[in-house]
């Protein structure tokens, strides 16, 4: 079930492909199931054609970012720039 994070190997010069769970795999590994609706706990794998809330996708993308940041080579620093408050007005 584990496939890749990041770019697909068919993309040219897109960076390295990292092993890791797909979104569907991550949902399962994180305890999300299908029991007539998306639930945490008992149930079946969430069907591929099911709309999942954006909040779940956001959690997956946050997990991916943390996973990638935790595995950067020594000497590489990940910097998160902050936008000025006025950007959101």
Protein backbone atom coordinates (compact mmCIF):
# COMPACT_ATOMS: atom_id res chain seq x y z
CA UNK A 1 0.00 0.00 0.00
CA UNK A 2 2.91 2.40 0.55
CA UNK A 3 3.71 4.30 -2.61
CA UNK A 4 5.31 7.71 -2.74
CA UNK A 5 5.35 11.26 -1.47
CA UNK A 6 6.11 14.11 -3.75
CA UNK A 7 6.76 13.89 -7.42
CA UNK A 8 6.08 10.91 -9.62
CA UNK A 9 9.14 9.21 -11.15
CA UNK A 10 7.87 10.12 -14.64
CA UNK A 11 8.37 13.86 -13.94
CA UNK A 12 11.67 15.20 -15.25
CA UNK A 13 13.84 17.17 -12.79
CA UNK A 14 11.07 17.25 -10.17
CA UNK A 15 13.21 16.03 -7.29
CA UNK A 16 13.49 12.70 -5.60
CA UNK A 17 10.58 10.37 -5.01
CA UNK A 18 10.21 9.51 -1.33
CA UNK A 19 8.51 6.38 -0.07
CA UNK A 20 5.44 7.03 2.02
CA UNK A 21 1.71 6.46 2.24
CA UNK A 22 -0.76 7.73 -0.32
CA UNK A 23 -3.67 9.79 1.00
CA UNK A 24 -5.91 6.71 1.07
CA UNK A 25 -3.25 4.70 2.90
CA UNK A 26 -2.67 7.52 5.37
CA UNK A 27 -6.40 7.67 6.13
CA UNK A 28 -6.37 3.95 6.95
CA UNK A 29 -3.14 4.13 8.98
CA UNK A 30 -4.53 7.13 10.90
CA UNK A 31 -7.63 5.18 11.92
CA UNK A 32 -10.19 6.68 9.54
CA UNK A 33 -12.76 4.18 8.29
CA UNK A 34 -15.98 4.00 6.30
CA UNK A 35 -19.09 2.98 8.19
CA UNK A 36 -21.76 4.74 6.14
CA UNK A 37 -19.72 7.90 6.74
CA UNK A 38 -16.11 8.67 7.58
CA UNK A 39 -15.48 7.66 11.18
CA UNK A 40 -12.55 6.97 13.48
CA UNK A 41 -12.66 3.40 14.66
CA UNK A 42 -14.30 0.33 13.21
CA UNK A 43 -15.22 0.06 9.55
CA UNK A 44 -13.99 -0.58 6.04
CA UNK A 45 -11.41 1.33 4.00
CA UNK A 46 -12.79 4.62 2.71
CA UNK A 47 -13.85 4.10 -0.93
CA UNK A 48 -11.67 5.91 -3.48
CA UNK A 49 -14.63 7.82 -4.90
CA UNK A 50 -15.61 9.26 -1.50
CA UNK A 51 -15.38 13.00 -0.94
CA UNK A 52 -13.32 13.59 2.17
CA UNK A 53 -13.40 16.85 4.10
CA UNK A 54 -10.68 19.36 3.29
CA UNK A 55 -9.66 19.24 6.94
CA UNK A 56 -8.54 15.61 6.50
CA UNK A 57 -6.55 16.47 3.39
CA UNK A 58 -5.01 19.34 5.35
CA UNK A 59 -3.96 16.94 8.10
CA UNK A 60 -2.39 14.63 5.51
CA UNK A 61 -0.50 17.49 3.84
CA UNK A 62 0.68 18.68 7.27
CA UNK A 63 1.87 15.14 8.02
CA UNK A 64 3.69 15.03 4.65
CA UNK A 65 5.41 18.34 5.35
CA UNK A 66 6.53 17.19 8.81
CA UNK A 67 7.73 13.86 7.37
CA UNK A 68 9.77 15.59 4.67
CA UNK A 69 11.21 18.17 7.09
CA UNK A 70 12.24 15.42 9.51
CA UNK A 71 14.18 13.64 6.78
CA UNK A 72 16.14 16.48 5.19
CA UNK A 73 19.87 15.83 4.92
CA UNK A 74 22.27 17.27 7.48
CA UNK A 75 23.19 20.83 6.61
CA UNK A 76 19.80 21.62 5.07
CA UNK A 77 17.57 24.01 7.01
CA UNK A 78 13.87 24.40 6.26
CA UNK A 79 12.71 27.97 6.85
CA UNK A 80 9.06 28.92 7.02
CA UNK A 81 8.70 32.59 6.04
CA UNK A 82 5.93 34.53 7.73
CA UNK A 83 3.63 36.80 5.76
CA UNK A 84 2.99 40.27 7.16
CA UNK A 85 -0.30 40.56 9.01
CA UNK A 86 -1.53 43.08 6.44
CA UNK A 87 -1.47 40.35 3.78
CA UNK A 88 -4.64 38.90 5.29
CA UNK A 89 -6.64 42.15 5.39
